Amino acid sequence: MEIHVNEVTVEIEDKLLEQAKALLEPEGMTVEELLRQFIRWCAENPDLAEETLRRWQKEEQKAEKTKTNNMDKEDISHG
Protein backbone atom coordinates (compact mmCIF):
# COMPACT_ATOMS: atom_id res chain seq x y z
CA MET A 1 0.00 0.00 0.00
CA GLU A 2 1.42 3.32 -1.07
CA ILE A 3 1.19 6.18 1.42
CA HIS A 4 0.89 9.75 0.18
CA VAL A 5 1.89 12.57 2.47
CA ASN A 6 0.83 16.19 2.06
CA GLU A 7 2.13 19.19 3.90
CA VAL A 8 -0.44 21.51 5.44
CA THR A 9 0.24 25.02 6.70
CA VAL A 10 -2.03 26.35 9.42
CA GLU A 11 -1.99 29.99 10.45
CA ILE A 12 -2.79 30.56 14.12
CA GLU A 13 -2.91 33.87 15.96
CA ASP A 14 0.02 34.22 18.38
CA LYS A 15 -2.21 34.51 21.44
CA LEU A 16 -4.23 31.43 20.51
CA LEU A 17 -1.06 29.45 19.78
CA GLU A 18 0.39 30.31 23.18
CA GLN A 19 -2.87 29.31 24.89
CA ALA A 20 -2.89 26.00 23.02
CA LYS A 21 0.74 25.30 23.92
CA ALA A 22 0.04 26.04 27.59
CA LEU A 23 -2.85 23.55 27.59
CA LEU A 24 -1.09 20.84 25.63
CA GLU A 25 2.36 20.96 27.18
CA PRO A 26 1.33 19.39 30.53
CA GLU A 27 -0.19 16.53 28.50
CA GLY A 28 3.10 16.00 26.65
CA MET A 29 1.55 16.98 23.33
CA THR A 30 2.45 19.58 20.73
CA VAL A 31 0.11 21.66 18.60
CA GLU A 32 1.38 19.78 15.54
CA GLU A 33 0.51 16.42 17.12
CA LEU A 34 -2.95 17.66 18.05
CA LEU A 35 -3.58 18.90 14.51
CA ARG A 36 -2.47 15.56 13.02
CA GLN A 37 -4.81 13.70 15.38
CA PHE A 38 -7.67 16.08 14.58
CA ILE A 39 -7.21 15.66 10.82
CA ARG A 40 -7.07 11.87 11.25
CA TRP A 41 -10.25 11.98 13.38
CA CYS A 42 -11.99 14.02 10.65
CA ALA A 43 -10.96 11.48 8.01
CA GLU A 44 -12.08 8.52 10.13
CA ASN A 45 -15.37 10.14 11.24
CA PRO A 46 -16.51 12.29 8.31
CA ASP A 47 -20.18 12.55 9.29
CA LEU A 48 -19.46 13.47 12.89
CA ALA A 49 -16.65 15.78 11.80
CA GLU A 50 -18.96 17.63 9.40
CA GLU A 51 -21.64 17.99 12.07
CA THR A 52 -19.11 19.17 14.65
CA LEU A 53 -17.37 21.62 12.31
CA ARG A 54 -20.69 23.13 11.24
CA ARG A 55 -21.70 23.54 14.90
CA TRP A 56 -18.37 25.21 15.71
CA GLN A 57 -18.76 27.49 12.70
CA LYS A 58 -22.22 28.58 13.88
CA GLU A 59 -20.90 29.16 17.42
CA GLU A 60 -18.02 31.25 16.04
CA GLN A 61 -20.39 33.31 13.89
CA LYS A 62 -22.66 33.87 16.89
CA ALA A 63 -19.69 34.93 19.04
CA GLU A 64 -18.47 37.33 16.34
CA LYS A 65 -21.96 38.80 16.01
CA THR A 66 -22.20 39.27 19.78
CA LYS A 67 -18.74 40.88 19.84
CA THR A 68 -19.71 43.25 17.02
CA ASN A 69 -22.98 44.16 18.74
CA ASN A 70 -21.15 44.86 22.00
CA MET A 71 -18.62 47.07 20.21
CA ASP A 72 -21.48 48.96 18.54
CA LYS A 73 -23.10 49.54 21.94
CA GLU A 74 -19.82 50.87 23.33
CA ASP A 75 -19.50 53.27 20.41
CA ILE A 76 -23.01 54.57 21.02
CA SER A 77 -22.44 55.04 24.74
CA HIS A 78 -19.09 56.83 24.15
CA GLY A 79 -20.30 58.81 21.17
C-alpha atoms as a PDB file:
ATOM      1  CA  MET A   1       0.000   0.000   0.000  1.00  0.00           C
ATOM      2  CA  GLU A   2       1.421   3.321  -1.068  1.00  0.00           C
ATOM      3  CA  ILE A   3       1.187   6.176   1.422  1.00  0.00           C
ATOM      4  CA  HIS A   4       0.887   9.748   0.179  1.00  0.00           C
ATOM      5  CA  VAL A   5       1.885  12.575   2.466  1.00  0.00           C
ATOM      6  CA  ASN A   6       0.831  16.185   2.061  1.00  0.00           C
ATOM      7  CA  GLU A   7       2.130  19.192   3.902  1.00  0.00           C
ATOM      8  CA  VAL A   8      -0.438  21.508   5.443  1.00  0.00           C
ATOM      9  CA  THR A   9       0.244  25.018   6.703  1.00  0.00           C
ATOM     10  CA  VAL A  10      -2.028  26.353   9.425  1.00  0.00           C
ATOM     11  CA  GLU A  11      -1.993  29.989  10.454  1.00  0.00           C
ATOM     12  CA  ILE A  12      -2.788  30.561  14.118  1.00  0.00           C
ATOM     13  CA  GLU A  13      -2.906  33.866  15.960  1.00  0.00           C
ATOM     14  CA  ASP A  14       0.020  34.219  18.378  1.00  0.00           C
ATOM     15  CA  LYS A  15      -2.208  34.513  21.441  1.00  0.00           C
ATOM     16  CA  LEU A  16      -4.228  31.428  20.507  1.00  0.00           C
ATOM     17  CA  LEU A  17      -1.057  29.449  19.780  1.00  0.00           C
ATOM     18  CA  GLU A  18       0.386  30.314  23.179  1.00  0.00           C
ATOM     19  CA  GLN A  19      -2.866  29.308  24.892  1.00  0.00           C
ATOM     20  CA  ALA A  20      -2.886  25.998  23.024  1.00  0.00           C
ATOM     21  CA  LYS A  21       0.741  25.296  23.917  1.00  0.00           C
ATOM     22  CA  ALA A  22       0.038  26.039  27.585  1.00  0.00           C
ATOM     23  CA  LEU A  23      -2.853  23.553  27.595  1.00  0.00           C
ATOM     24  CA  LEU A  24      -1.088  20.842  25.626  1.00  0.00           C
ATOM     25  CA  GLU A  25       2.361  20.962  27.183  1.00  0.00           C
ATOM     26  CA  PRO A  26       1.330  19.392  30.531  1.00  0.00           C
ATOM     27  CA  GLU A  27      -0.192  16.528  28.505  1.00  0.00           C
ATOM     28  CA  GLY A  28       3.097  16.005  26.653  1.00  0.00           C
ATOM     29  CA  MET A  29       1.547  16.984  23.333  1.00  0.00           C
ATOM     30  CA  THR A  30       2.450  19.579  20.730  1.00  0.00           C
ATOM     31  CA  VAL A  31       0.107  21.663  18.596  1.00  0.00           C
ATOM     32  CA  GLU A  32       1.383  19.783  15.539  1.00  0.00           C
ATOM     33  CA  GLU A  33       0.509  16.421  17.118  1.00  0.00           C
ATOM     34  CA  LEU A  34      -2.947  17.657  18.047  1.00  0.00           C
ATOM     35  CA  LEU A  35      -3.583  18.905  14.508  1.00  0.00           C
ATOM     36  CA  ARG A  36      -2.466  15.562  13.024  1.00  0.00           C
ATOM     37  CA  GLN A  37      -4.808  13.700  15.381  1.00  0.00           C
ATOM     38  CA  PHE A  38      -7.667  16.084  14.577  1.00  0.00           C
ATOM     39  CA  ILE A  39      -7.215  15.657  10.821  1.00  0.00           C
ATOM     40  CA  ARG A  40      -7.072  11.868  11.253  1.00  0.00           C
ATOM     41  CA  TRP A  41     -10.255  11.980  13.381  1.00  0.00           C
ATOM     42  CA  CYS A  42     -11.992  14.017  10.655  1.00  0.00           C
ATOM     43  CA  ALA A  43     -10.962  11.477   8.013  1.00  0.00           C
ATOM     44  CA  GLU A  44     -12.081   8.524  10.127  1.00  0.00           C
ATOM     45  CA  ASN A  45     -15.373  10.136  11.239  1.00  0.00           C
ATOM     46  CA  PRO A  46     -16.513  12.291   8.313  1.00  0.00           C
ATOM     47  CA  ASP A  47     -20.180  12.554   9.287  1.00  0.00           C
ATOM     48  CA  LEU A  48     -19.462  13.466  12.892  1.00  0.00           C
ATOM     49  CA  ALA A  49     -16.648  15.777  11.796  1.00  0.00           C
ATOM     50  CA  GLU A  50     -18.957  17.628   9.399  1.00  0.00           C
ATOM     51  CA  GLU A  51     -21.636  17.989  12.070  1.00  0.00           C
ATOM     52  CA  THR A  52     -19.115  19.174  14.647  1.00  0.00           C
ATOM     53  CA  LEU A  53     -17.368  21.615  12.313  1.00  0.00           C
ATOM     54  CA  ARG A  54     -20.692  23.135  11.239  1.00  0.00           C
ATOM     55  CA  ARG A  55     -21.700  23.545  14.896  1.00  0.00           C
ATOM     56  CA  TRP A  56     -18.370  25.211  15.709  1.00  0.00           C
ATOM     57  CA  GLN A  57     -18.764  27.494  12.704  1.00  0.00           C
ATOM     58  CA  LYS A  58     -22.215  28.584  13.882  1.00  0.00           C
ATOM     59  CA  GLU A  59     -20.896  29.158  17.418  1.00  0.00           C
ATOM     60  CA  GLU A  60     -18.019  31.250  16.043  1.00  0.00           C
ATOM     61  CA  GLN A  61     -20.392  33.310  13.895  1.00  0.00           C
ATOM     62  CA  LYS A  62     -22.660  33.875  16.889  1.00  0.00           C
ATOM     63  CA  ALA A  63     -19.689  34.926  19.042  1.00  0.00           C
ATOM     64  CA  GLU A  64     -18.471  37.331  16.344  1.00  0.00           C
ATOM     65  CA  LYS A  65     -21.962  38.801  16.005  1.00  0.00           C
ATOM     66  CA  THR A  66     -22.197  39.272  19.782  1.00  0.00           C
ATOM     67  CA  LYS A  67     -18.739  40.875  19.838  1.00  0.00           C
ATOM     68  CA  THR A  68     -19.714  43.253  17.017  1.00  0.00           C
ATOM     69  CA  ASN A  69     -22.982  44.159  18.744  1.00  0.00           C
ATOM     70  CA  ASN A  70     -21.151  44.860  22.003  1.00  0.00           C
ATOM     71  CA  MET A  71     -18.622  47.073  20.211  1.00  0.00           C
ATOM     72  CA  ASP A  72     -21.477  48.964  18.542  1.00  0.00           C
ATOM     73  CA  LYS A  73     -23.103  49.536  21.938  1.00  0.00           C
ATOM     74  CA  GLU A  74     -19.819  50.873  23.327  1.00  0.00           C
ATOM     75  CA  ASP A  75     -19.495  53.266  20.406  1.00  0.00           C
ATOM     76  CA  ILE A  76     -23.008  54.570  21.023  1.00  0.00           C
ATOM     77  CA  SER A  77     -22.437  55.039  24.738  1.00  0.00           C
ATOM     78  CA  HIS A  78     -19.090  56.828  24.153  1.00  0.00           C
ATOM     79  CA  GLY A  79     -20.299  58.812  21.167  1.00  0.00           C
END
